[in-house]
């Protein structure tokens, strides 16, 4: 949203916390108006279209800049220690991002055969689905080298209206993505407090305003307060995604199927448990280090 704003305003007066507050308000409206997972069906299609708009625009403009750019610096800057910690922290970020696989897993259980449908969705997501994601990464790094921004549209040059459309698409897609991530928690709260009936009945609507609105107000406030919230994403990935995705799953399968597994299969599962336990510990240390370093670098409600 801020990237779109600076395209049209020469003298920037609004600071990042204001944009965070506006984004939080939009997320609250979306969370209240989208009562359950079933109502997300049409929004998942919209999310795909919005993602493709951002990816295509950013990739094409970056490739155009790359073909006309002078030689770039592709070296990775920083000390050896900072590089190692950044790589480990990035791995937990990736695990957290790829955890969107929970959505096709949940939806696949609605129709039989559930396991087969779930596997088809996951195979598609982690093969064809990752191609656009990695394409924009490699194109961006090729075009700008070490100066590539974490948000590629900050680097690209091209028509203002095209960049604005891509920025708006990225923002709207992030609103939908946040709701997808939070949907299991929303569903749990609805079940826990026995919220039934029509989506826009007074009781149901009031509960969503209070519960979901309260959650997003807190999240938005913390996001504005700590501009390095991505470091906490690394910590979340290290403490939850690594253990739940690899360690617990491998150990549970090992315990449940131990009698029917070959020694090679058991060794592979134990290797997963040990390796990803070490990765989880290392990623936790790396994330804590990043939080400490960035907390000294940025003040609260910083405009970055």
C-alpha atoms as a PDB file:
ATOM      1  CA  UNK A   1       0.000   0.000   0.000  1.00  0.00           C
ATOM      2  CA  UNK A   2       2.817   2.375   0.860  1.00  0.00           C
ATOM      3  CA  UNK A   3       4.613   1.464  -2.375  1.00  0.00           C
ATOM      4  CA  UNK A   4       1.499   2.432  -4.326  1.00  0.00           C
ATOM      5  CA  UNK A   5       1.166   5.705  -2.384  1.00  0.00           C
ATOM      6  CA  UNK A   6       4.696   6.906  -3.181  1.00  0.00           C
ATOM      7  CA  UNK A   7       4.055   6.418  -6.907  1.00  0.00           C
ATOM      8  CA  UNK A   8       1.585   9.313  -6.898  1.00  0.00           C
ATOM      9  CA  UNK A   9       2.866  11.566  -4.111  1.00  0.00           C
ATOM     10  CA  UNK A  10       6.189  13.381  -4.476  1.00  0.00           C
ATOM     11  CA  UNK A  11       6.386  14.621  -0.899  1.00  0.00           C
ATOM     12  CA  UNK A  12       5.656  11.607   1.284  1.00  0.00           C
ATOM     13  CA  UNK A  13       4.040  12.586   4.590  1.00  0.00           C
ATOM     14  CA  UNK A  14       2.281   9.377   5.668  1.00  0.00           C
ATOM     15  CA  UNK A  15       4.451   7.018   7.682  1.00  0.00           C
ATOM     16  CA  UNK A  16       4.486   3.231   7.674  1.00  0.00           C
ATOM     17  CA  UNK A  17       2.445   2.799  10.905  1.00  0.00           C
ATOM     18  CA  UNK A  18      -0.473   4.646   9.271  1.00  0.00           C
ATOM     19  CA  UNK A  19      -0.441   2.243   6.335  1.00  0.00           C
ATOM     20  CA  UNK A  20      -0.298  -0.664   8.766  1.00  0.00           C
ATOM     21  CA  UNK A  21      -3.392   0.661  10.531  1.00  0.00           C
ATOM     22  CA  UNK A  22      -5.268   1.051   7.225  1.00  0.00           C
ATOM     23  CA  UNK A  23      -4.264  -2.453   6.150  1.00  0.00           C
ATOM     24  CA  UNK A  24      -5.440  -3.819   9.500  1.00  0.00           C
ATOM     25  CA  UNK A  25      -8.827  -2.136   9.059  1.00  0.00           C
ATOM     26  CA  UNK A  26      -9.222  -3.682   5.586  1.00  0.00           C
ATOM     27  CA  UNK A  27      -8.323  -7.109   7.035  1.00  0.00           C
ATOM     28  CA  UNK A  28     -10.952  -6.658   9.763  1.00  0.00           C
ATOM     29  CA  UNK A  29     -13.644  -5.854   7.202  1.00  0.00           C
ATOM     30  CA  UNK A  30     -12.692  -8.910   5.152  1.00  0.00           C
ATOM     31  CA  UNK A  31     -12.585 -11.214   8.188  1.00  0.00           C
ATOM     32  CA  UNK A  32     -16.038 -10.071   9.330  1.00  0.00           C
ATOM     33  CA  UNK A  33     -17.596 -10.414   5.873  1.00  0.00           C
ATOM     34  CA  UNK A  34     -16.086 -13.876   5.199  1.00  0.00           C
ATOM     35  CA  UNK A  35     -17.671 -16.060   7.878  1.00  0.00           C
ATOM     36  CA  UNK A  36     -16.181 -19.511   7.185  1.00  0.00           C
ATOM     37  CA  UNK A  37     -13.877 -21.637   5.029  1.00  0.00           C
ATOM     38  CA  UNK A  38     -16.640 -22.498   2.579  1.00  0.00           C
ATOM     39  CA  UNK A  39     -17.109 -18.838   1.710  1.00  0.00           C
ATOM     40  CA  UNK A  40     -13.408 -18.627   0.771  1.00  0.00           C
ATOM     41  CA  UNK A  41     -13.879 -20.620  -2.439  1.00  0.00           C
ATOM     42  CA  UNK A  42     -14.362 -17.636  -4.744  1.00  0.00           C
ATOM     43  CA  UNK A  43     -11.682 -15.663  -2.891  1.00  0.00           C
ATOM     44  CA  UNK A  44      -9.097 -18.390  -3.516  1.00  0.00           C
ATOM     45  CA  UNK A  45      -9.619 -17.888  -7.255  1.00  0.00           C
ATOM     46  CA  UNK A  46      -9.288 -14.119  -6.778  1.00  0.00           C
ATOM     47  CA  UNK A  47      -6.102 -14.678  -4.778  1.00  0.00           C
ATOM     48  CA  UNK A  48      -4.609 -16.718  -7.620  1.00  0.00           C
ATOM     49  CA  UNK A  49      -5.438 -14.031 -10.193  1.00  0.00           C
ATOM     50  CA  UNK A  50      -4.039 -11.251  -7.985  1.00  0.00           C
ATOM     51  CA  UNK A  51      -0.839 -13.238  -7.385  1.00  0.00           C
ATOM     52  CA  UNK A  52      -0.373 -13.771 -11.116  1.00  0.00           C
ATOM     53  CA  UNK A  53      -0.837 -10.044 -11.811  1.00  0.00           C
ATOM     54  CA  UNK A  54       1.923  -9.193  -9.333  1.00  0.00           C
ATOM     55  CA  UNK A  55       4.246 -11.967 -10.537  1.00  0.00           C
ATOM     56  CA  UNK A  56       3.813 -11.234 -14.250  1.00  0.00           C
ATOM     57  CA  UNK A  57       4.200  -7.454 -13.885  1.00  0.00           C
ATOM     58  CA  UNK A  58       7.203  -7.683 -11.544  1.00  0.00           C
ATOM     59  CA  UNK A  59       8.909 -10.375 -13.659  1.00  0.00           C
ATOM     60  CA  UNK A  60       8.392  -8.597 -16.995  1.00  0.00           C
ATOM     61  CA  UNK A  61       9.489  -5.169 -15.721  1.00  0.00           C
ATOM     62  CA  UNK A  62      12.482  -6.659 -13.876  1.00  0.00           C
ATOM     63  CA  UNK A  63      13.536  -8.642 -16.959  1.00  0.00           C
ATOM     64  CA  UNK A  64      13.255  -5.456 -19.051  1.00  0.00           C
ATOM     65  CA  UNK A  65      15.450  -3.577 -16.554  1.00  0.00           C
ATOM     66  CA  UNK A  66      17.917  -6.471 -16.423  1.00  0.00           C
ATOM     67  CA  UNK A  67      18.440  -6.503 -20.190  1.00  0.00           C
ATOM     68  CA  UNK A  68      19.261  -2.780 -20.177  1.00  0.00           C
ATOM     69  CA  UNK A  69      21.238  -2.631 -16.932  1.00  0.00           C
ATOM     70  CA  UNK A  70      25.030  -2.320 -16.563  1.00  0.00           C
ATOM     71  CA  UNK A  71      27.017  -5.121 -14.852  1.00  0.00           C
ATOM     72  CA  UNK A  72      25.583  -5.919 -11.428  1.00  0.00           C
ATOM     73  CA  UNK A  73      27.126  -6.883  -8.103  1.00  0.00           C
ATOM     74  CA  UNK A  74      25.998 -10.424  -7.257  1.00  0.00           C
ATOM     75  CA  UNK A  75      28.105 -10.847  -4.127  1.00  0.00           C
ATOM     76  CA  UNK A  76      26.433 -11.494  -0.777  1.00  0.00           C
ATOM     77  CA  UNK A  77      27.488  -8.838   1.698  1.00  0.00           C
ATOM     78  CA  UNK A  78      28.051  -9.285   5.414  1.00  0.00           C
ATOM     79  CA  UNK A  79      30.236 -11.297   7.756  1.00  0.00           C
ATOM     80  CA  UNK A  80      30.367 -15.073   7.603  1.00  0.00           C
ATOM     81  CA  UNK A  81      28.370 -15.321  10.835  1.00  0.00           C
ATOM     82  CA  UNK A  82      25.637 -12.968   9.616  1.00  0.00           C
ATOM     83  CA  UNK A  83      25.348 -14.911   6.346  1.00  0.00           C
ATOM     84  CA  UNK A  84      24.960 -18.226   8.177  1.00  0.00           C
ATOM     85  CA  UNK A  85      22.352 -16.854  10.587  1.00  0.00           C
ATOM     86  CA  UNK A  86      20.457 -15.181   7.737  1.00  0.00           C
ATOM     87  CA  UNK A  87      20.360 -18.402   5.703  1.00  0.00           C
ATOM     88  CA  UNK A  88      19.100 -20.429   8.666  1.00  0.00           C
ATOM     89  CA  UNK A  89      16.530 -17.764   9.520  1.00  0.00           C
ATOM     90  CA  UNK A  90      15.387 -17.657   5.890  1.00  0.00           C
ATOM     91  CA  UNK A  91      14.850 -21.434   5.947  1.00  0.00           C
ATOM     92  CA  UNK A  92      12.330 -21.114   8.783  1.00  0.00           C
ATOM     93  CA  UNK A  93      10.646 -18.249   6.895  1.00  0.00           C
ATOM     94  CA  UNK A  94      10.281 -20.549   3.896  1.00  0.00           C
ATOM     95  CA  UNK A  95       8.799 -23.285   6.055  1.00  0.00           C
ATOM     96  CA  UNK A  96       6.300 -20.817   7.465  1.00  0.00           C
ATOM     97  CA  UNK A  97       5.358 -19.524   3.990  1.00  0.00           C
ATOM     98  CA  UNK A  98       4.939 -22.990   2.487  1.00  0.00           C
ATOM     99  CA  UNK A  99       2.651 -23.926   5.367  1.00  0.00           C
ATOM    100  CA  UNK A 100      -0.223 -22.693   3.173  1.00  0.00           C
ATOM    101  CA  UNK A 101      -0.504 -26.367   2.245  1.00  0.00           C
ATOM    102  CA  UNK A 102      -2.897 -26.652   5.174  1.00  0.00           C
ATOM    103  CA  UNK A 103      -5.630 -25.049   3.043  1.00  0.00           C
ATOM    104  CA  UNK A 104      -5.806 -27.756   0.352  1.00  0.00           C
ATOM    105  CA  UNK A 105      -5.432 -30.338   3.112  1.00  0.00           C
ATOM    106  CA  UNK A 106      -8.481 -28.989   4.938  1.00  0.00           C
ATOM    107  CA  UNK A 107     -10.566 -28.563   1.792  1.00  0.00           C
ATOM    108  CA  UNK A 108      -9.633 -31.993   0.422  1.00  0.00           C
ATOM    109  CA  UNK A 109     -11.304 -33.692   3.378  1.00  0.00           C
ATOM    110  CA  UNK A 110     -14.691 -32.396   2.216  1.00  0.00           C
ATOM    111  CA  UNK A 111     -14.874 -34.871  -0.655  1.00  0.00           C
ATOM    112  CA  UNK A 112     -13.932 -38.536  -0.892  1.00  0.00           C
ATOM    113  CA  UNK A 113     -11.358 -39.959  -1.392  1.00  0.00           C
ATOM    114  CA  UNK A 114      -9.931 -37.373   1.003  1.00  0.00           C
ATOM    115  CA  UNK A 115      -6.318 -38.586   1.117  1.00  0.00           C
ATOM    116  CA  UNK A 116      -6.022 -38.875  -2.656  1.00  0.00           C
ATOM    117  CA  UNK A 117      -7.527 -35.419  -3.179  1.00  0.00           C
ATOM    118  CA  UNK A 118      -5.240 -33.944  -0.552  1.00  0.00           C
ATOM    119  CA  UNK A 119      -2.135 -35.463  -2.134  1.00  0.00           C
ATOM    120  CA  UNK A 120      -3.119 -34.200  -5.592  1.00  0.00           C
ATOM    121  CA  UNK A 121      -3.514 -30.669  -4.218  1.00  0.00           C
ATOM    122  CA  UNK A 122      -0.176 -30.791  -2.406  1.00  0.00           C
ATOM    123  CA  UNK A 123       1.711 -32.296  -5.352  1.00  0.00           C
ATOM    124  CA  UNK A 124       0.384 -29.503  -7.565  1.00  0.00           C
ATOM    125  CA  UNK A 125       1.245 -26.832  -5.014  1.00  0.00           C
ATOM    126  CA  UNK A 126       4.838 -27.960  -4.525  1.00  0.00           C
ATOM    127  CA  UNK A 127       5.618 -28.589  -8.227  1.00  0.00           C
ATOM    128  CA  UNK A 128       3.829 -26.317 -10.687  1.00  0.00           C
ATOM    129  CA  UNK A 129       2.704 -24.004  -7.898  1.00  0.00           C
ATOM    130  CA  UNK A 130       6.242 -23.019  -6.850  1.00  0.00           C
ATOM    131  CA  UNK A 131       7.444 -22.207 -10.384  1.00  0.00           C
ATOM    132  CA  UNK A 132       6.109 -18.603 -10.421  1.00  0.00           C
ATOM    133  CA  UNK A 133       7.421 -18.021  -6.909  1.00  0.00           C
ATOM    134  CA  UNK A 134      10.963 -19.046  -7.792  1.00  0.00           C
ATOM    135  CA  UNK A 135      10.800 -17.391 -11.223  1.00  0.00           C
ATOM    136  CA  UNK A 136      10.302 -13.951  -9.705  1.00  0.00           C
ATOM    137  CA  UNK A 137      13.121 -14.563  -7.211  1.00  0.00           C
ATOM    138  CA  UNK A 138      15.689 -15.534  -9.836  1.00  0.00           C
ATOM    139  CA  UNK A 139      14.611 -12.874 -12.332  1.00  0.00           C
ATOM    140  CA  UNK A 140      14.790 -10.184  -9.655  1.00  0.00           C
ATOM    141  CA  UNK A 141      18.235 -11.225  -8.463  1.00  0.00           C
ATOM    142  CA  UNK A 142      19.502 -11.498 -12.041  1.00  0.00           C
ATOM    143  CA  UNK A 143      18.176  -8.024 -12.875  1.00  0.00           C
ATOM    144  CA  UNK A 144      19.378  -6.122  -9.806  1.00  0.00           C
ATOM    145  CA  UNK A 145      21.957  -8.308  -8.089  1.00  0.00           C
ATOM    146  CA  UNK A 146      22.731  -7.537  -4.462  1.00  0.00           C
ATOM    147  CA  UNK A 147      20.693  -4.310  -4.665  1.00  0.00           C
ATOM    148  CA  UNK A 148      17.440  -6.235  -5.226  1.00  0.00           C
ATOM    149  CA  UNK A 149      14.796  -5.182  -2.735  1.00  0.00           C
ATOM    150  CA  UNK A 150      12.841  -7.664  -0.639  1.00  0.00           C
ATOM    151  CA  UNK A 151       9.787  -6.200  -2.389  1.00  0.00           C
ATOM    152  CA  UNK A 152      10.716  -6.346  -6.071  1.00  0.00           C
ATOM    153  CA  UNK A 153       8.282  -3.647  -7.233  1.00  0.00           C
ATOM    154  CA  UNK A 154      10.410  -1.131  -5.315  1.00  0.00           C
ATOM    155  CA  UNK A 155      13.195  -1.734  -7.864  1.00  0.00           C
ATOM    156  CA  UNK A 156      11.363  -1.958 -11.177  1.00  0.00           C
ATOM    157  CA  UNK A 157      10.866   0.897 -13.616  1.00  0.00           C
ATOM    158  CA  UNK A 158       7.897   1.180 -15.951  1.00  0.00           C
ATOM    159  CA  UNK A 159       4.483   2.835 -16.404  1.00  0.00           C
ATOM    160  CA  UNK A 160       3.095   4.145 -13.136  1.00  0.00           C
ATOM    161  CA  UNK A 161      -0.363   2.667 -13.710  1.00  0.00           C
ATOM    162  CA  UNK A 162       1.107  -0.795 -14.306  1.00  0.00           C
ATOM    163  CA  UNK A 163       3.154  -0.672 -11.095  1.00  0.00           C
ATOM    164  CA  UNK A 164       0.139   0.697  -9.212  1.00  0.00           C
ATOM    165  CA  UNK A 165      -2.029  -2.194 -10.438  1.00  0.00           C
ATOM    166  CA  UNK A 166       0.620  -4.702  -9.345  1.00  0.00           C
ATOM    167  CA  UNK A 167       0.980  -3.042  -5.924  1.00  0.00           C
ATOM    168  CA  UNK A 168      -2.776  -3.045  -5.352  1.00  0.00           C
ATOM    169  CA  UNK A 169      -2.963  -6.691  -6.438  1.00  0.00           C
ATOM    170  CA  UNK A 170      -0.191  -7.618  -4.006  1.00  0.00           C
ATOM    171  CA  UNK A 171      -1.964  -5.814  -1.164  1.00  0.00           C
ATOM    172  CA  UNK A 172      -5.350  -7.391  -1.821  1.00  0.00           C
ATOM    173  CA  UNK A 173      -3.786 -10.838  -2.174  1.00  0.00           C
ATOM    174  CA  UNK A 174      -2.031 -10.407   1.172  1.00  0.00           C
ATOM    175  CA  UNK A 175      -5.386  -9.613   2.802  1.00  0.00           C
ATOM    176  CA  UNK A 176      -6.833 -12.872   1.462  1.00  0.00           C
ATOM    177  CA  UNK A 177      -3.679 -14.811   2.408  1.00  0.00           C
ATOM    178  CA  UNK A 178      -3.795 -13.515   5.983  1.00  0.00           C
ATOM    179  CA  UNK A 179      -7.403 -14.617   6.280  1.00  0.00           C
ATOM    180  CA  UNK A 180      -6.489 -18.087   4.964  1.00  0.00           C
ATOM    181  CA  UNK A 181      -3.774 -18.440   7.587  1.00  0.00           C
ATOM    182  CA  UNK A 182      -6.103 -17.280  10.348  1.00  0.00           C
ATOM    183  CA  UNK A 183      -9.150 -19.287   9.205  1.00  0.00           C
ATOM    184  CA  UNK A 184      -8.440 -22.394  11.345  1.00  0.00           C
ATOM    185  CA  UNK A 185      -8.248 -20.167  14.433  1.00  0.00           C
ATOM    186  CA  UNK A 186     -11.469 -18.413  13.437  1.00  0.00           C
ATOM    187  CA  UNK A 187     -13.210 -21.758  12.905  1.00  0.00           C
ATOM    188  CA  UNK A 188     -11.962 -22.973  16.286  1.00  0.00           C
ATOM    189  CA  UNK A 189     -13.329 -19.906  18.063  1.00  0.00           C
ATOM    190  CA  UNK A 190     -16.700 -20.274  16.327  1.00  0.00           C
ATOM    191  CA  UNK A 191     -16.889 -23.932  17.393  1.00  0.00           C
ATOM    192  CA  UNK A 192     -15.604 -23.268  20.915  1.00  0.00           C
ATOM    193  CA  UNK A 193     -18.247 -20.632  21.609  1.00  0.00           C
ATOM    194  CA  UNK A 194     -20.993 -22.499  19.698  1.00  0.00           C
ATOM    195  CA  UNK A 195     -21.583 -19.771  17.121  1.00  0.00           C
ATOM    196  CA  UNK A 196     -24.210 -21.160  14.768  1.00  0.00           C
ATOM    197  CA  UNK A 197     -26.930 -19.823  12.507  1.00  0.00           C
ATOM    198  CA  UNK A 198     -26.757 -17.437   9.579  1.00  0.00           C
ATOM    199  CA  UNK A 199     -23.563 -15.591   8.822  1.00  0.00           C
ATOM    200  CA  UNK A 200     -25.192 -12.204   9.337  1.00  0.00           C
ATOM    201  CA  UNK A 201     -27.408 -12.971  12.318  1.00  0.00           C
ATOM    202  CA  UNK A 202     -26.781 -10.519  15.147  1.00  0.00           C
ATOM    203  CA  UNK A 203     -25.069 -13.023  17.463  1.00  0.00           C
ATOM    204  CA  UNK A 204     -22.780 -14.387  14.743  1.00  0.00           C
ATOM    205  CA  UNK A 205     -21.931 -10.961  13.366  1.00  0.00           C
ATOM    206  CA  UNK A 206     -21.261  -9.483  16.816  1.00  0.00           C
ATOM    207  CA  UNK A 207     -18.978 -12.378  17.730  1.00  0.00           C
ATOM    208  CA  UNK A 208     -16.923 -11.982  14.543  1.00  0.00           C
ATOM    209  CA  UNK A 209     -16.578  -8.249  15.119  1.00  0.00           C
ATOM    210  CA  UNK A 210     -15.353  -8.763  18.684  1.00  0.00           C
ATOM    211  CA  UNK A 211     -13.229 -11.915  18.267  1.00  0.00           C
ATOM    212  CA  UNK A 212     -11.746 -11.438  14.814  1.00  0.00           C
ATOM    213  CA  UNK A 213     -11.643  -7.666  15.062  1.00  0.00           C
ATOM    214  CA  UNK A 214      -9.877  -7.846  18.424  1.00  0.00           C
ATOM    215  CA  UNK A 215      -7.324 -10.335  17.117  1.00  0.00           C
ATOM    216  CA  UNK A 216      -6.536  -8.177  14.077  1.00  0.00           C
ATOM    217  CA  UNK A 217      -6.366  -4.960  16.103  1.00  0.00           C
ATOM    218  CA  UNK A 218      -3.732  -6.568  18.334  1.00  0.00           C
ATOM    219  CA  UNK A 219      -1.866  -7.976  15.318  1.00  0.00           C
ATOM    220  CA  UNK A 220      -1.883  -4.632  13.511  1.00  0.00           C
ATOM    221  CA  UNK A 221      -0.688  -2.779  16.598  1.00  0.00           C
ATOM    222  CA  UNK A 222       2.213  -5.195  17.087  1.00  0.00           C
ATOM    223  CA  UNK A 223       3.077  -4.968  13.368  1.00  0.00           C
ATOM    224  CA  UNK A 224       3.231  -1.171  13.533  1.00  0.00           C
ATOM    225  CA  UNK A 225       5.100  -1.275  16.841  1.00  0.00           C
ATOM    226  CA  UNK A 226       7.779  -3.668  15.596  1.00  0.00           C
ATOM    227  CA  UNK A 227       8.792  -2.960  11.976  1.00  0.00           C
ATOM    228  CA  UNK A 228      11.009  -6.074  12.032  1.00  0.00           C
ATOM    229  CA  UNK A 229       8.085  -8.441  12.552  1.00  0.00           C
ATOM    230  CA  UNK A 230       9.514 -10.728   9.853  1.00  0.00           C
ATOM    231  CA  UNK A 231      12.085 -11.833  12.439  1.00  0.00           C
ATOM    232  CA  UNK A 232       9.242 -13.132  14.589  1.00  0.00           C
ATOM    233  CA  UNK A 233       7.963 -15.008  11.542  1.00  0.00           C
ATOM    234  CA  UNK A 234      11.325 -16.778  11.485  1.00  0.00           C
ATOM    235  CA  UNK A 235      10.922 -17.573  15.179  1.00  0.00           C
ATOM    236  CA  UNK A 236       7.406 -18.920  14.589  1.00  0.00           C
ATOM    237  CA  UNK A 237       8.668 -21.118  11.770  1.00  0.00           C
ATOM    238  CA  UNK A 238      11.489 -22.429  13.944  1.00  0.00           C
ATOM    239  CA  UNK A 239       9.310 -23.188  16.976  1.00  0.00           C
ATOM    240  CA  UNK A 240       6.165 -24.479  15.272  1.00  0.00           C
ATOM    241  CA  UNK A 241       6.455 -25.212  11.546  1.00  0.00           C
ATOM    242  CA  UNK A 242       9.662 -27.260  11.686  1.00  0.00           C
ATOM    243  CA  UNK A 243       8.471 -29.453  14.590  1.00  0.00           C
ATOM    244  CA  UNK A 244       4.892 -29.910  13.355  1.00  0.00           C
ATOM    245  CA  UNK A 245       5.713 -30.427   9.672  1.00  0.00           C
ATOM    246  CA  UNK A 246       8.767 -32.667   9.893  1.00  0.00           C
ATOM    247  CA  UNK A 247       9.602 -33.852  13.406  1.00  0.00           C
ATOM    248  CA  UNK A 248       6.170 -34.731  14.782  1.00  0.00           C
ATOM    249  CA  UNK A 249       4.867 -36.082  11.462  1.00  0.00           C
ATOM    250  CA  UNK A 250       7.887 -38.358  10.937  1.00  0.00           C
ATOM    251  CA  UNK A 251       7.816 -39.619  14.525  1.00  0.00           C
ATOM    252  CA  UNK A 252       4.067 -40.286  14.467  1.00  0.00           C
ATOM    253  CA  UNK A 253       4.364 -42.238  11.218  1.00  0.00           C
ATOM    254  CA  UNK A 254       7.317 -44.154  12.635  1.00  0.00           C
ATOM    255  CA  UNK A 255       5.370 -45.142  15.756  1.00  0.00           C
ATOM    256  CA  UNK A 256       2.181 -46.014  13.880  1.00  0.00           C
ATOM    257  CA  UNK A 257       3.794 -48.024  11.067  1.00  0.00           C
ATOM    258  CA  UNK A 258       6.973 -49.298  12.725  1.00  0.00           C
ATOM    259  CA  UNK A 259       6.138 -52.989  12.339  1.00  0.00           C
ATOM    260  CA  UNK A 260       5.536 -52.679   8.586  1.00  0.00           C
ATOM    261  CA  UNK A 261       8.503 -50.400   7.768  1.00  0.00           C
ATOM    262  CA  UNK A 262      11.814 -51.619   6.432  1.00  0.00           C
ATOM    263  CA  UNK A 263      15.054 -50.725   8.211  1.00  0.00           C
ATOM    264  CA  UNK A 264      15.844 -48.248   5.414  1.00  0.00           C
ATOM    265  CA  UNK A 265      12.476 -46.505   5.836  1.00  0.00           C
ATOM    266  CA  UNK A 266      12.925 -46.334   9.606  1.00  0.00           C
ATOM    267  CA  UNK A 267      16.426 -44.909   9.202  1.00  0.00           C
ATOM    268  CA  UNK A 268      15.066 -42.258   6.816  1.00  0.00           C
ATOM    269  CA  UNK A 269      12.361 -41.221   9.267  1.00  0.00           C
ATOM    270  CA  UNK A 270      14.811 -41.044  12.174  1.00  0.00           C
ATOM    271  CA  UNK A 271      17.150 -38.980   9.990  1.00  0.00           C
ATOM    272  CA  UNK A 272      14.281 -36.534   9.409  1.00  0.00           C
ATOM    273  CA  UNK A 273      13.571 -36.339  13.130  1.00  0.00           C
ATOM    274  CA  UNK A 274      17.216 -35.715  14.079  1.00  0.00           C
ATOM    275  CA  UNK A 275      18.074 -33.364  11.209  1.00  0.00           C
ATOM    276  CA  UNK A 276      15.011 -31.154  11.537  1.00  0.00           C
ATOM    277  CA  UNK A 277      15.351 -31.090  15.325  1.00  0.00           C
ATOM    278  CA  UNK A 278      18.810 -29.616  14.807  1.00  0.00           C
ATOM    279  CA  UNK A 279      17.420 -27.223  12.194  1.00  0.00           C
ATOM    280  CA  UNK A 280      14.656 -26.130  14.565  1.00  0.00           C
ATOM    281  CA  UNK A 281      17.166 -25.373  17.327  1.00  0.00           C
ATOM    282  CA  UNK A 282      19.530 -23.551  14.939  1.00  0.00           C
ATOM    283  CA  UNK A 283      16.666 -21.546  13.382  1.00  0.00           C
ATOM    284  CA  UNK A 284      15.428 -20.542  16.851  1.00  0.00           C
ATOM    285  CA  UNK A 285      18.882 -19.221  17.759  1.00  0.00           C
ATOM    286  CA  UNK A 286      19.145 -17.414  14.401  1.00  0.00           C
ATOM    287  CA  UNK A 287      15.709 -15.828  14.796  1.00  0.00           C
ATOM    288  CA  UNK A 288      16.452 -14.634  18.340  1.00  0.00           C
ATOM    289  CA  UNK A 289      19.734 -13.150  17.104  1.00  0.00           C
ATOM    290  CA  UNK A 290      17.922 -11.317  14.280  1.00  0.00           C
ATOM    291  CA  UNK A 291      15.361  -9.953  16.758  1.00  0.00           C
ATOM    292  CA  UNK A 292      18.106  -8.684  19.088  1.00  0.00           C
ATOM    293  CA  UNK A 293      20.083  -7.078  16.243  1.00  0.00           C
ATOM    294  CA  UNK A 294      17.057  -5.407  14.655  1.00  0.00           C
ATOM    295  CA  UNK A 295      15.663  -4.236  17.999  1.00  0.00           C
ATOM    296  CA  UNK A 296      18.844  -2.189  18.380  1.00  0.00           C
ATOM    297  CA  UNK A 297      18.611  -0.914  14.803  1.00  0.00           C
ATOM    298  CA  UNK A 298      14.948   0.197  14.744  1.00  0.00           C
ATOM    299  CA  UNK A 299      12.842   2.161  17.220  1.00  0.00           C
ATOM    300  CA  UNK A 300       9.179   1.404  17.886  1.00  0.00           C
ATOM    301  CA  UNK A 301       6.707   2.624  15.245  1.00  0.00           C
ATOM    302  CA  UNK A 302       9.659   3.246  12.911  1.00  0.00           C
ATOM    303  CA  UNK A 303       9.030   4.417   9.352  1.00  0.00           C
ATOM    304  CA  UNK A 304      11.164   2.041   7.279  1.00  0.00           C
END
